[in-house]
Structure formats: C-alpha cells, structure tokens
PDB file of N, CA and C in Angstrom:
ATOM      1  N   UNK A   1       5.310 -11.737   0.515  1.00  0.00           N
ATOM      2  CA  UNK A   1       5.976 -11.550  -0.759  1.00  0.00           C
ATOM      3  C   UNK A   1       7.474 -11.672  -0.509  1.00  0.00           C
ATOM      4  N   UNK A   2       8.135 -12.446  -1.356  1.00  0.00           N
ATOM      5  CA  UNK A   2       9.591 -12.589  -1.251  1.00  0.00           C
ATOM      6  C   UNK A   2      10.199 -12.500  -2.646  1.00  0.00           C
ATOM      7  N   UNK A   3      11.363 -11.839  -2.735  1.00  0.00           N
ATOM      8  CA  UNK A   3      12.048 -11.745  -4.023  1.00  0.00           C
ATOM      9  C   UNK A   3      13.193 -12.750  -4.068  1.00  0.00           C
ATOM     10  N   UNK A   4      13.667 -13.042  -5.269  1.00  0.00           N
ATOM     11  CA  UNK A   4      14.801 -13.957  -5.440  1.00  0.00           C
ATOM     12  C   UNK A   4      16.073 -13.396  -4.818  1.00  0.00           C
ATOM     13  N   UNK A   5      16.106 -12.072  -4.638  1.00  0.00           N
ATOM     14  CA  UNK A   5      17.260 -11.421  -4.026  1.00  0.00           C
ATOM     15  C   UNK A   5      17.182 -11.422  -2.501  1.00  0.00           C
ATOM     16  N   UNK A   6      16.105 -12.008  -1.940  1.00  0.00           N
ATOM     17  CA  UNK A   6      15.999 -12.185  -0.492  1.00  0.00           C
ATOM     18  C   UNK A   6      15.208 -11.136   0.269  1.00  0.00           C
ATOM     19  N   UNK A   7      14.626 -10.161  -0.407  1.00  0.00           N
ATOM     20  CA  UNK A   7      13.793  -9.167   0.280  1.00  0.00           C
ATOM     21  C   UNK A   7      12.398  -9.747   0.498  1.00  0.00           C
ATOM     22  N   UNK A   8      11.809  -9.470   1.664  1.00  0.00           N
ATOM     23  CA  UNK A   8      10.455  -9.957   1.913  1.00  0.00           C
ATOM     24  C   UNK A   8       9.647  -8.922   2.677  1.00  0.00           C
ATOM     25  N   UNK A   9       8.319  -9.044   2.552  1.00  0.00           N
ATOM     26  CA  UNK A   9       7.404  -8.098   3.176  1.00  0.00           C
ATOM     27  C   UNK A   9       6.091  -8.819   3.461  1.00  0.00           C
ATOM     28  N   UNK A  10       5.557  -8.641   4.678  1.00  0.00           N
ATOM     29  CA  UNK A  10       4.235  -9.152   5.017  1.00  0.00           C
ATOM     30  C   UNK A  10       3.206  -8.102   4.635  1.00  0.00           C
ATOM     31  N   UNK A  11       2.238  -8.478   3.810  1.00  0.00           N
ATOM     32  CA  UNK A  11       1.191  -7.570   3.335  1.00  0.00           C
ATOM     33  C   UNK A  11      -0.119  -8.342   3.207  1.00  0.00           C
ATOM     34  N   UNK A  12      -1.202  -7.601   2.997  1.00  0.00           N
ATOM     35  CA  UNK A  12      -2.460  -8.261   2.665  1.00  0.00           C
ATOM     36  C   UNK A  12      -2.512  -8.430   1.151  1.00  0.00           C
ATOM     37  N   UNK A  13      -3.411  -9.246   0.681  1.00  0.00           N
ATOM     38  CA  UNK A  13      -3.498  -9.467  -0.765  1.00  0.00           C
ATOM     39  C   UNK A  13      -4.007  -8.234  -1.505  1.00  0.00           C
ATOM     40  N   UNK A  14      -4.604  -7.281  -0.786  1.00  0.00           N
ATOM     41  CA  UNK A  14      -5.086  -6.068  -1.457  1.00  0.00           C
ATOM     42  C   UNK A  14      -4.055  -4.942  -1.476  1.00  0.00           C
ATOM     43  N   UNK A  15      -2.963  -5.083  -0.728  1.00  0.00           N
ATOM     44  CA  UNK A  15      -1.914  -4.069  -0.806  1.00  0.00           C
ATOM     45  C   UNK A  15      -1.374  -4.021  -2.235  1.00  0.00           C
ATOM     46  N   UNK A  16      -0.967  -2.832  -2.670  1.00  0.00           N
ATOM     47  CA  UNK A  16      -0.421  -2.675  -4.018  1.00  0.00           C
ATOM     48  C   UNK A  16       1.057  -2.344  -3.922  1.00  0.00           C
ATOM     49  N   UNK A  17       1.860  -3.063  -4.703  1.00  0.00           N
ATOM     50  CA  UNK A  17       3.300  -2.840  -4.750  1.00  0.00           C
ATOM     51  C   UNK A  17       3.691  -2.427  -6.164  1.00  0.00           C
ATOM     52  N   UNK A  18       4.785  -1.665  -6.259  1.00  0.00           N
ATOM     53  CA  UNK A  18       5.235  -1.181  -7.561  1.00  0.00           C
ATOM     54  C   UNK A  18       6.013  -2.261  -8.304  1.00  0.00           C
ATOM     55  N   UNK A  19       5.513  -2.610  -9.474  1.00  0.00           N
ATOM     56  CA  UNK A  19       6.172  -3.568 -10.357  1.00  0.00           C
ATOM     57  C   UNK A  19       6.534  -2.829 -11.644  1.00  0.00           C
ATOM     58  N   UNK A  20       7.180  -3.524 -12.568  1.00  0.00           N
ATOM     59  CA  UNK A  20       7.441  -2.912 -13.876  1.00  0.00           C
ATOM     60  C   UNK A  20       6.142  -2.656 -14.631  1.00  0.00           C
ATOM     61  N   UNK A  21       5.041  -3.297 -14.201  1.00  0.00           N
ATOM     62  CA  UNK A  21       3.718  -3.075 -14.807  1.00  0.00           C
ATOM     63  C   UNK A  21       2.970  -1.931 -14.135  1.00  0.00           C
ATOM     64  N   UNK A  22       3.577  -1.305 -13.133  1.00  0.00           N
ATOM     65  CA  UNK A  22       2.906  -0.268 -12.344  1.00  0.00           C
ATOM     66  C   UNK A  22       2.514  -0.849 -10.991  1.00  0.00           C
ATOM     67  N   UNK A  23       1.653  -0.137 -10.256  1.00  0.00           N
ATOM     68  CA  UNK A  23       1.196  -0.642  -8.955  1.00  0.00           C
ATOM     69  C   UNK A  23       0.206  -1.776  -9.182  1.00  0.00           C
ATOM     70  N   UNK A  24       0.478  -2.916  -8.547  1.00  0.00           N
ATOM     71  CA  UNK A  24      -0.336  -4.121  -8.732  1.00  0.00           C
ATOM     72  C   UNK A  24      -0.707  -4.685  -7.362  1.00  0.00           C
ATOM     73  N   UNK A  25      -1.976  -5.091  -7.203  1.00  0.00           N
ATOM     74  CA  UNK A  25      -2.394  -5.749  -5.957  1.00  0.00           C
ATOM     75  C   UNK A  25      -1.598  -7.023  -5.783  1.00  0.00           C
ATOM     76  N   UNK A  26      -1.214  -7.299  -4.555  1.00  0.00           N
ATOM     77  CA  UNK A  26      -0.402  -8.489  -4.275  1.00  0.00           C
ATOM     78  C   UNK A  26      -1.090  -9.749  -4.796  1.00  0.00           C
ATOM     79  N   UNK A  27      -2.415  -9.792  -4.733  1.00  0.00           N
ATOM     80  CA  UNK A  27      -3.143 -10.968  -5.217  1.00  0.00           C
ATOM     81  C   UNK A  27      -2.950 -11.198  -6.717  1.00  0.00           C
ATOM     82  N   UNK A  28      -2.488 -10.173  -7.451  1.00  0.00           N
ATOM     83  CA  UNK A  28      -2.301 -10.288  -8.903  1.00  0.00           C
ATOM     84  C   UNK A  28      -0.830 -10.284  -9.316  1.00  0.00           C
ATOM     85  N   UNK A  29       0.061 -10.273  -8.339  1.00  0.00           N
ATOM     86  CA  UNK A  29       1.491 -10.327  -8.652  1.00  0.00           C
ATOM     87  C   UNK A  29       1.863 -11.757  -9.028  1.00  0.00           C
ATOM     88  N   UNK A  30       2.658 -11.887 -10.086  1.00  0.00           N
ATOM     89  CA  UNK A  30       3.046 -13.205 -10.595  1.00  0.00           C
ATOM     90  C   UNK A  30       4.551 -13.405 -10.454  1.00  0.00           C
ATOM     91  N   UNK A  31       4.985 -14.638 -10.593  1.00  0.00           N
ATOM     92  CA  UNK A  31       6.415 -14.955 -10.431  1.00  0.00           C
ATOM     93  C   UNK A  31       7.290 -14.315 -11.503  1.00  0.00           C
ATOM     94  N   UNK A  32       6.699 -13.859 -12.595  1.00  0.00           N
ATOM     95  CA  UNK A  32       7.474 -13.182 -13.641  1.00  0.00           C
ATOM     96  C   UNK A  32       7.614 -11.686 -13.366  1.00  0.00           C
ATOM     97  N   UNK A  33       6.891 -11.181 -12.349  1.00  0.00           N
ATOM     98  CA  UNK A  33       6.946  -9.758 -12.030  1.00  0.00           C
ATOM     99  C   UNK A  33       8.254  -9.385 -11.345  1.00  0.00           C
ATOM    100  N   UNK A  34       8.623  -8.142 -11.510  1.00  0.00           N
ATOM    101  CA  UNK A  34       9.777  -7.570 -10.828  1.00  0.00           C
ATOM    102  C   UNK A  34       9.276  -6.413  -9.976  1.00  0.00           C
ATOM    103  N   UNK A  35       9.648  -6.415  -8.689  1.00  0.00           N
ATOM    104  CA  UNK A  35       9.206  -5.396  -7.747  1.00  0.00           C
ATOM    105  C   UNK A  35      10.295  -4.356  -7.542  1.00  0.00           C
ATOM    106  N   UNK A  36       9.891  -3.084  -7.471  1.00  0.00           N
ATOM    107  CA  UNK A  36      10.848  -2.015  -7.200  1.00  0.00           C
ATOM    108  C   UNK A  36      11.265  -2.091  -5.735  1.00  0.00           C
ATOM    109  N   UNK A  37      12.577  -2.094  -5.497  1.00  0.00           N
ATOM    110  CA  UNK A  37      13.127  -2.117  -4.136  1.00  0.00           C
ATOM    111  C   UNK A  37      14.036  -0.910  -3.973  1.00  0.00           C
ATOM    112  N   UNK A  38      13.653   0.014  -3.117  1.00  0.00           N
ATOM    113  CA  UNK A  38      14.447   1.217  -2.862  1.00  0.00           C
ATOM    114  C   UNK A  38      15.745   0.843  -2.140  1.00  0.00           C
ATOM    115  N   UNK A  39      16.857   1.368  -2.630  1.00  0.00           N
ATOM    116  CA  UNK A  39      18.141   1.143  -1.982  1.00  0.00           C
ATOM    117  C   UNK A  39      18.803  -0.180  -2.317  1.00  0.00           C
ATOM    118  N   UNK A  40      18.212  -0.945  -3.215  1.00  0.00           N
ATOM    119  CA  UNK A  40      18.780  -2.231  -3.616  1.00  0.00           C
ATOM    120  C   UNK A  40      19.822  -2.006  -4.712  1.00  0.00           C
ATOM    121  N   UNK A  41      20.780  -2.931  -4.811  1.00  0.00           N
ATOM    122  CA  UNK A  41      21.771  -2.818  -5.896  1.00  0.00           C
ATOM    123  C   UNK A  41      21.097  -2.948  -7.261  1.00  0.00           C
ATOM    124  N   UNK A  42      19.993  -3.685  -7.320  1.00  0.00           N
ATOM    125  CA  UNK A  42      19.164  -3.771  -8.526  1.00  0.00           C
ATOM    126  C   UNK A  42      17.848  -3.067  -8.205  1.00  0.00           C
ATOM    127  N   UNK A  43      17.444  -2.073  -8.993  1.00  0.00           N
ATOM    128  CA  UNK A  43      16.215  -1.348  -8.650  1.00  0.00           C
ATOM    129  C   UNK A  43      14.966  -2.225  -8.680  1.00  0.00           C
ATOM    130  N   UNK A  44      14.964  -3.246  -9.523  1.00  0.00           N
ATOM    131  CA  UNK A  44      13.830  -4.172  -9.571  1.00  0.00           C
ATOM    132  C   UNK A  44      14.301  -5.567  -9.211  1.00  0.00           C
ATOM    133  N   UNK A  45      13.599  -6.196  -8.265  1.00  0.00           N
ATOM    134  CA  UNK A  45      13.911  -7.557  -7.835  1.00  0.00           C
ATOM    135  C   UNK A  45      12.832  -8.499  -8.350  1.00  0.00           C
ATOM    136  N   UNK A  46      13.227  -9.652  -8.852  1.00  0.00           N
ATOM    137  CA  UNK A  46      12.287 -10.644  -9.377  1.00  0.00           C
ATOM    138  C   UNK A  46      11.553 -11.339  -8.234  1.00  0.00           C
ATOM    139  N   UNK A  47      10.246 -11.516  -8.403  1.00  0.00           N
ATOM    140  CA  UNK A  47       9.428 -12.193  -7.394  1.00  0.00           C
ATOM    141  C   UNK A  47       9.826 -13.661  -7.317  1.00  0.00           C
ATOM    142  N   UNK A  48      10.051 -14.130  -6.114  1.00  0.00           N
ATOM    143  CA  UNK A  48      10.320 -15.547  -5.874  1.00  0.00           C
ATOM    144  C   UNK A  48       9.044 -16.256  -5.425  1.00  0.00           C
ATOM    145  N   UNK A  49       8.313 -15.598  -4.505  1.00  0.00           N
ATOM    146  CA  UNK A  49       7.132 -16.254  -3.948  1.00  0.00           C
ATOM    147  C   UNK A  49       6.145 -15.222  -3.408  1.00  0.00           C
ATOM    148  N   UNK A  50       4.878 -15.496  -3.669  1.00  0.00           N
ATOM    149  CA  UNK A  50       3.778 -14.788  -3.025  1.00  0.00           C
ATOM    150  C   UNK A  50       2.955 -15.883  -2.381  1.00  0.00           C
ATOM    151  N   UNK A  51       2.927 -15.899  -1.056  1.00  0.00           N
ATOM    152  CA  UNK A  51       2.262 -17.002  -0.362  1.00  0.00           C
ATOM    153  C   UNK A  51       1.380 -16.486   0.759  1.00  0.00           C
ATOM    154  N   UNK A  52       0.261 -17.165   0.952  1.00  0.00           N
ATOM    155  CA  UNK A  52      -0.599 -16.874   2.100  1.00  0.00           C
ATOM    156  C   UNK A  52      -0.025 -17.588   3.305  1.00  0.00           C
ATOM    157  N   UNK A  53      -0.113 -16.927   4.456  1.00  0.00           N
ATOM    158  CA  UNK A  53       0.359 -17.556   5.689  1.00  0.00           C
ATOM    159  C   UNK A  53      -0.825 -17.780   6.618  1.00  0.00           C
ATOM    160  N   UNK A  54      -0.723 -18.788   7.453  1.00  0.00           N
ATOM    161  CA  UNK A  54      -1.811 -19.139   8.365  1.00  0.00           C
ATOM    162  C   UNK A  54      -1.585 -18.567   9.755  1.00  0.00           C
ATOM    163  N   UNK A  55      -1.216 -17.313   9.823  1.00  0.00           N
ATOM    164  CA  UNK A  55      -1.086 -16.655  11.117  1.00  0.00           C
ATOM    165  C   UNK A  55      -1.432 -15.180  10.950  1.00  0.00           C
ATOM    166  N   UNK A  56      -1.741 -14.576  12.041  1.00  0.00           N
ATOM    167  CA  UNK A  56      -2.107 -13.162  12.016  1.00  0.00           C
ATOM    168  C   UNK A  56      -0.842 -12.328  12.139  1.00  0.00           C
ATOM    169  N   UNK A  57      -0.720 -11.361  11.261  1.00  0.00           N
ATOM    170  CA  UNK A  57       0.397 -10.413  11.293  1.00  0.00           C
ATOM    171  C   UNK A  57      -0.192  -9.013  11.286  1.00  0.00           C
ATOM    172  N   UNK A  58       0.446  -8.104  11.953  1.00  0.00           N
ATOM    173  CA  UNK A  58       0.011  -6.715  11.905  1.00  0.00           C
ATOM    174  C   UNK A  58       0.618  -6.076  10.663  1.00  0.00           C
ATOM    175  N   UNK A  59      -0.243  -5.480   9.838  1.00  0.00           N
ATOM    176  CA  UNK A  59       0.206  -4.752   8.654  1.00  0.00           C
ATOM    177  C   UNK A  59      -0.440  -3.374   8.695  1.00  0.00           C
ATOM    178  N   UNK A  60       0.117  -2.441   7.955  1.00  0.00           N
ATOM    179  CA  UNK A  60      -0.372  -1.076   7.971  1.00  0.00           C
ATOM    180  C   UNK A  60      -0.668  -0.594   6.555  1.00  0.00           C
ATOM    181  N   UNK A  61      -1.638   0.272   6.443  1.00  0.00           N
ATOM    182  CA  UNK A  61      -1.939   0.945   5.189  1.00  0.00           C
ATOM    183  C   UNK A  61      -1.813   2.433   5.483  1.00  0.00           C
ATOM    184  N   UNK A  62      -0.664   2.993   5.211  1.00  0.00           N
ATOM    185  CA  UNK A  62      -0.383   4.379   5.552  1.00  0.00           C
ATOM    186  C   UNK A  62      -1.126   5.347   4.657  1.00  0.00           C
ATOM    187  N   UNK A  63      -1.475   6.466   5.215  1.00  0.00           N
ATOM    188  CA  UNK A  63      -2.083   7.540   4.449  1.00  0.00           C
ATOM    189  C   UNK A  63      -1.046   8.647   4.355  1.00  0.00           C
ATOM    190  N   UNK A  64      -0.623   8.939   3.149  1.00  0.00           N
ATOM    191  CA  UNK A  64       0.387   9.966   2.919  1.00  0.00           C
ATOM    192  C   UNK A  64      -0.137  10.947   1.876  1.00  0.00           C
ATOM    193  N   UNK A  65       0.438  12.118   1.853  1.00  0.00           N
ATOM    194  CA  UNK A  65      -0.037  13.179   0.961  1.00  0.00           C
ATOM    195  C   UNK A  65       0.254  12.871  -0.506  1.00  0.00           C
ATOM    196  N   UNK A  66      -0.401  13.612  -1.347  1.00  0.00           N
ATOM    197  CA  UNK A  66      -0.208  13.631  -2.793  1.00  0.00           C
ATOM    198  C   UNK A  66      -0.562  12.318  -3.461  1.00  0.00           C
ATOM    199  N   UNK A  67       0.408  11.521  -3.886  1.00  0.00           N
ATOM    200  CA  UNK A  67       0.078  10.344  -4.697  1.00  0.00           C
ATOM    201  C   UNK A  67      -0.118   9.070  -3.877  1.00  0.00           C
ATOM    202  N   UNK A  68      -0.093   9.167  -2.554  1.00  0.00           N
ATOM    203  CA  UNK A  68      -0.393   8.059  -1.646  1.00  0.00           C
ATOM    204  C   UNK A  68       0.599   6.904  -1.742  1.00  0.00           C
ATOM    205  N   UNK A  69       1.818   7.173  -2.207  1.00  0.00           N
ATOM    206  CA  UNK A  69       2.846   6.143  -2.306  1.00  0.00           C
ATOM    207  C   UNK A  69       3.878   6.330  -1.204  1.00  0.00           C
ATOM    208  N   UNK A  70       4.470   5.228  -0.771  1.00  0.00           N
ATOM    209  CA  UNK A  70       5.472   5.273   0.285  1.00  0.00           C
ATOM    210  C   UNK A  70       6.388   4.060   0.162  1.00  0.00           C
ATOM    211  N   UNK A  71       7.494   4.068   0.901  1.00  0.00           N
ATOM    212  CA  UNK A  71       8.431   2.943   0.911  1.00  0.00           C
ATOM    213  C   UNK A  71       8.197   2.143   2.195  1.00  0.00           C
ATOM    214  N   UNK A  72       7.940   0.852   2.061  1.00  0.00           N
ATOM    215  CA  UNK A  72       7.725  -0.048   3.199  1.00  0.00           C
ATOM    216  C   UNK A  72       8.815  -1.110   3.187  1.00  0.00           C
ATOM    217  N   UNK A  73       9.760  -0.973   4.085  1.00  0.00           N
ATOM    218  CA  UNK A  73      10.873  -1.927   4.185  1.00  0.00           C
ATOM    219  C   UNK A  73      11.557  -2.117   2.827  1.00  0.00           C
ATOM    220  N   UNK A  74      11.685  -1.019   2.088  1.00  0.00           N
ATOM    221  CA  UNK A  74      12.343  -1.051   0.784  1.00  0.00           C
ATOM    222  C   UNK A  74      11.389  -1.183  -0.393  1.00  0.00           C
ATOM    223  N   UNK A  75      10.220  -1.754  -0.186  1.00  0.00           N
ATOM    224  CA  UNK A  75       9.239  -1.955  -1.256  1.00  0.00           C
ATOM    225  C   UNK A  75       8.446  -0.663  -1.487  1.00  0.00           C
ATOM    226  N   UNK A  76       8.232  -0.303  -2.741  1.00  0.00           N
ATOM    227  CA  UNK A  76       7.380   0.842  -3.057  1.00  0.00           C
ATOM    228  C   UNK A  76       5.933   0.367  -2.984  1.00  0.00           C
ATOM    229  N   UNK A  77       5.158   0.988  -2.104  1.00  0.00           N
ATOM    230  CA  UNK A  77       3.772   0.588  -1.879  1.00  0.00           C
ATOM    231  C   UNK A  77       2.845   1.767  -2.139  1.00  0.00           C
ATOM    232  N   UNK A  78       1.568   1.450  -2.308  1.00  0.00           N
ATOM    233  CA  UNK A  78       0.558   2.478  -2.556  1.00  0.00           C
ATOM    234  C   UNK A  78      -0.546   2.320  -1.523  1.00  0.00           C
ATOM    235  N   UNK A  79      -0.994   3.435  -0.959  1.00  0.00           N
ATOM    236  CA  UNK A  79      -1.946   3.412   0.155  1.00  0.00           C
ATOM    237  C   UNK A  79      -3.305   2.834  -0.175  1.00  0.00           C
ATOM    238  N   UNK A  80      -3.876   3.218  -1.294  1.00  0.00           N
ATOM    239  CA  UNK A  80      -5.270   2.882  -1.517  1.00  0.00           C
ATOM    240  C   UNK A  80      -5.459   1.841  -2.604  1.00  0.00           C
ATOM    241  N   UNK A  81      -6.408   0.963  -2.361  1.00  0.00           N
ATOM    242  CA  UNK A  81      -6.706  -0.057  -3.348  1.00  0.00           C
ATOM    243  C   UNK A  81      -8.113   0.088  -3.906  1.00  0.00           C
ATOM    244  N   UNK A  82      -9.018   0.676  -3.139  1.00  0.00           N
ATOM    245  CA  UNK A  82     -10.404   0.834  -3.585  1.00  0.00           C
ATOM    246  C   UNK A  82     -10.744   2.310  -3.648  1.00  0.00           C
ATOM    247  N   UNK A  83     -11.393   2.735  -4.687  1.00  0.00           N
ATOM    248  CA  UNK A  83     -11.898   4.092  -4.826  1.00  0.00           C
ATOM    249  C   UNK A  83     -10.822   5.161  -4.580  1.00  0.00           C
ATOM    250  N   UNK A  84      -9.686   5.108  -5.260  1.00  0.00           N
ATOM    251  CA  UNK A  84      -8.607   6.047  -4.948  1.00  0.00           C
ATOM    252  C   UNK A  84      -8.983   7.515  -5.093  1.00  0.00           C
ATOM    253  N   UNK A  85      -9.782   7.874  -6.097  1.00  0.00           N
ATOM    254  CA  UNK A  85     -10.147   9.286  -6.263  1.00  0.00           C
ATOM    255  C   UNK A  85     -11.089   9.740  -5.155  1.00  0.00           C
ATOM    256  N   UNK A  86     -12.014   8.872  -4.760  1.00  0.00           N
ATOM    257  CA  UNK A  86     -12.929   9.211  -3.677  1.00  0.00           C
ATOM    258  C   UNK A  86     -12.167   9.341  -2.361  1.00  0.00           C
ATOM    259  N   UNK A  87     -11.224   8.448  -2.123  1.00  0.00           N
ATOM    260  CA  UNK A  87     -10.434   8.520  -0.898  1.00  0.00           C
ATOM    261  C   UNK A  87      -9.557   9.767  -0.884  1.00  0.00           C
ATOM    262  N   UNK A  88      -9.000  10.134  -2.020  1.00  0.00           N
ATOM    263  CA  UNK A  88      -8.199  11.356  -2.097  1.00  0.00           C
ATOM    264  C   UNK A  88      -9.073  12.559  -1.759  1.00  0.00           C
ATOM    265  N   UNK A  89     -10.295  12.566  -2.266  1.00  0.00           N
ATOM    266  CA  UNK A  89     -11.241  13.640  -1.966  1.00  0.00           C
ATOM    267  C   UNK A  89     -11.568  13.645  -0.470  1.00  0.00           C
ATOM    268  N   UNK A  90     -11.756  12.474   0.114  1.00  0.00           N
ATOM    269  CA  UNK A  90     -12.049  12.333   1.544  1.00  0.00           C
ATOM    270  C   UNK A  90     -10.955  12.982   2.380  1.00  0.00           C
ATOM    271  N   UNK A  91      -9.697  12.653   2.092  1.00  0.00           N
ATOM    272  CA  UNK A  91      -8.593  13.195   2.889  1.00  0.00           C
ATOM    273  C   UNK A  91      -8.372  14.673   2.608  1.00  0.00           C
ATOM    274  N   UNK A  92      -8.640  15.121   1.393  1.00  0.00           N
ATOM    275  CA  UNK A  92      -8.556  16.552   1.086  1.00  0.00           C
ATOM    276  C   UNK A  92      -9.603  17.309   1.891  1.00  0.00           C
ATOM    277  N   UNK A  93     -10.801  16.745   1.992  1.00  0.00           N
ATOM    278  CA  UNK A  93     -11.859  17.379   2.756  1.00  0.00           C
ATOM    279  C   UNK A  93     -11.492  17.435   4.245  1.00  0.00           C
ATOM    280  N   UNK A  94     -10.940  16.354   4.781  1.00  0.00           N
ATOM    281  CA  UNK A  94     -10.510  16.348   6.176  1.00  0.00           C
ATOM    282  C   UNK A  94      -9.437  17.410   6.410  1.00  0.00           C
ATOM    283  N   UNK A  95      -8.514  17.518   5.464  1.00  0.00           N
ATOM    284  CA  UNK A  95      -7.453  18.521   5.573  1.00  0.00           C
ATOM    285  C   UNK A  95      -8.053  19.926   5.532  1.00  0.00           C
ATOM    286  N   UNK A  96      -9.008  20.134   4.632  1.00  0.00           N
ATOM    287  CA  UNK A  96      -9.657  21.427   4.499  1.00  0.00           C
ATOM    288  C   UNK A  96     -10.414  21.803   5.770  1.00  0.00           C
ATOM    289  N   UNK A  97     -11.066  20.804   6.410  1.00  0.00           N
ATOM    290  CA  UNK A  97     -11.824  21.061   7.632  1.00  0.00           C
ATOM    291  C   UNK A  97     -10.905  21.352   8.823  1.00  0.00           C
ATOM    292  N   UNK A  98      -9.678  20.882   8.738  1.00  0.00           N
ATOM    293  CA  UNK A  98      -8.748  21.022   9.859  1.00  0.00           C
ATOM    294  C   UNK A  98      -8.718  19.732  10.655  1.00  0.00           C
ATOM    295  N   UNK A  99      -7.515  19.272  10.994  1.00  0.00           N
ATOM    296  CA  UNK A  99      -7.396  17.936  11.588  1.00  0.00           C
ATOM    297  C   UNK A  99      -8.078  17.786  12.938  1.00  0.00           C
ATOM    298  N   UNK A 100      -8.322  18.871  13.663  1.00  0.00           N
ATOM    299  CA  UNK A 100      -8.958  18.757  14.976  1.00  0.00           C
ATOM    300  C   UNK A 100     -10.406  19.230  15.003  1.00  0.00           C
ATOM    301  N   UNK A 101     -10.969  19.511  13.833  1.00  0.00           N
ATOM    302  CA  UNK A 101     -12.372  19.936  13.815  1.00  0.00           C
ATOM    303  C   UNK A 101     -13.265  18.726  14.118  1.00  0.00           C
ATOM    304  N   UNK A 102     -14.444  18.988  14.653  1.00  0.00           N
ATOM    305  CA  UNK A 102     -15.377  17.899  14.983  1.00  0.00           C
ATOM    306  C   UNK A 102     -15.737  17.094  13.732  1.00  0.00           C
ATOM    307  N   UNK A 103     -15.976  17.798  12.618  1.00  0.00           N
ATOM    308  CA  UNK A 103     -16.349  17.108  11.378  1.00  0.00           C
ATOM    309  C   UNK A 103     -15.219  16.218  10.882  1.00  0.00           C
ATOM    310  N   UNK A 104     -13.999  16.727  10.923  1.00  0.00           N
ATOM    311  CA  UNK A 104     -12.846  15.945  10.463  1.00  0.00           C
ATOM    312  C   UNK A 104     -12.626  14.728  11.357  1.00  0.00           C
ATOM    313  N   UNK A 105     -12.736  14.902  12.655  1.00  0.00           N
ATOM    314  CA  UNK A 105     -12.567  13.771  13.588  1.00  0.00           C
ATOM    315  C   UNK A 105     -13.658  12.728  13.368  1.00  0.00           C
ATOM    316  N   UNK A 106     -14.896  13.171  13.107  1.00  0.00           N
ATOM    317  CA  UNK A 106     -15.986  12.236  12.854  1.00  0.00           C
ATOM    318  C   UNK A 106     -15.728  11.462  11.559  1.00  0.00           C
ATOM    319  N   UNK A 107     -15.331  12.183  10.492  1.00  0.00           N
ATOM    320  CA  UNK A 107     -15.048  11.532   9.215  1.00  0.00           C
ATOM    321  C   UNK A 107     -13.911  10.522   9.354  1.00  0.00           C
ATOM    322  N   UNK A 108     -12.861  10.904  10.057  1.00  0.00           N
ATOM    323  CA  UNK A 108     -11.730  10.007  10.247  1.00  0.00           C
ATOM    324  C   UNK A 108     -12.163   8.743  10.987  1.00  0.00           C
ATOM    325  N   UNK A 109     -13.026   8.894  11.980  1.00  0.00           N
ATOM    326  CA  UNK A 109     -13.534   7.738  12.733  1.00  0.00           C
ATOM    327  C   UNK A 109     -14.369   6.824  11.836  1.00  0.00           C
ATOM    328  N   UNK A 110     -15.024   7.373  10.814  1.00  0.00           N
ATOM    329  CA  UNK A 110     -15.863   6.589   9.904  1.00  0.00           C
ATOM    330  C   UNK A 110     -15.074   5.997   8.725  1.00  0.00           C
ATOM    331  N   UNK A 111     -13.811   6.315   8.610  1.00  0.00           N
ATOM    332  CA  UNK A 111     -13.018   5.909   7.447  1.00  0.00           C
ATOM    333  C   UNK A 111     -13.099   4.400   7.170  1.00  0.00           C
ATOM    334  N   UNK A 112     -12.811   3.578   8.192  1.00  0.00           N
ATOM    335  CA  UNK A 112     -12.825   2.121   7.991  1.00  0.00           C
ATOM    336  C   UNK A 112     -14.183   1.626   7.535  1.00  0.00           C
ATOM    337  N   UNK A 113     -15.230   2.211   8.085  1.00  0.00           N
ATOM    338  CA  UNK A 113     -16.583   1.826   7.719  1.00  0.00           C
ATOM    339  C   UNK A 113     -16.861   2.131   6.245  1.00  0.00           C
ATOM    340  N   UNK A 114     -16.310   3.230   5.759  1.00  0.00           N
ATOM    341  CA  UNK A 114     -16.567   3.655   4.398  1.00  0.00           C
ATOM    342  C   UNK A 114     -15.690   2.969   3.355  1.00  0.00           C
ATOM    343  N   UNK A 115     -14.416   2.739   3.687  1.00  0.00           N
ATOM    344  CA  UNK A 115     -13.473   2.352   2.658  1.00  0.00           C
ATOM    345  C   UNK A 115     -12.776   1.001   2.847  1.00  0.00           C
ATOM    346  N   UNK A 116     -12.866   0.399   4.003  1.00  0.00           N
ATOM    347  CA  UNK A 116     -12.096  -0.844   4.213  1.00  0.00           C
ATOM    348  C   UNK A 116     -12.986  -2.044   4.066  1.00  0.00           C
TER     349      UNK A 116
END
C-alpha cells in the first residue's frame, strides 16, 4: 500500500487499515480511499497504489489489548480480520487462565490452526 504523500506499508490483503470508511481489508481499499497516518501533517493520506508483489515479505499481525488496533509504521491497523468477537473471547480466556498456565499455552499454540 502506498499513499500519494509517499507513505508505504507491506501488508497482506487481509490486513485491515483505518480509512475514512472505517477499518477496511487491504483487498477492498480503493484509490479514492484515504488512510489515517499517525504523525503526518495530513491525518488522512490519499491512496496512490495497492499492489501485489511477487516476493515474500515478513509481516506481522499483532495482538493488543482492548480494541485490537495499533500503529504500524504510521498506519492505523487492526489485528483481526476473521471472527473478531470469537478471537477477543479467545484472548480474554487466555488472559483469565494466566499466560503461563498449561491450558493458556496450549490454546496459544493452537491459535493459527483455529483462526489463520
């Protein structure tokens, strides 16, 4: 994803970024969309290009508390794309069990199998 103001970010097509329409999957972002950029002189930057690349890049889907939103290289991103309420319940349960409990460690190990 690249904006006309020169900001860019490598993401998967299922990552969600904050636009004036709310959080939108990258696969559904259009050239008329404006993306929120933290710390930019303009809070919303117009999309210049959303393009697939033919190389492997490492990307991350962070898990953060509360509303699962975070800033990635200036872009406002959202952690979950599928089953957000179920995933929130999953992480609440892990937190309730305690991060080092056997059940929590087992659930965390199964996360990708369940949700990715």
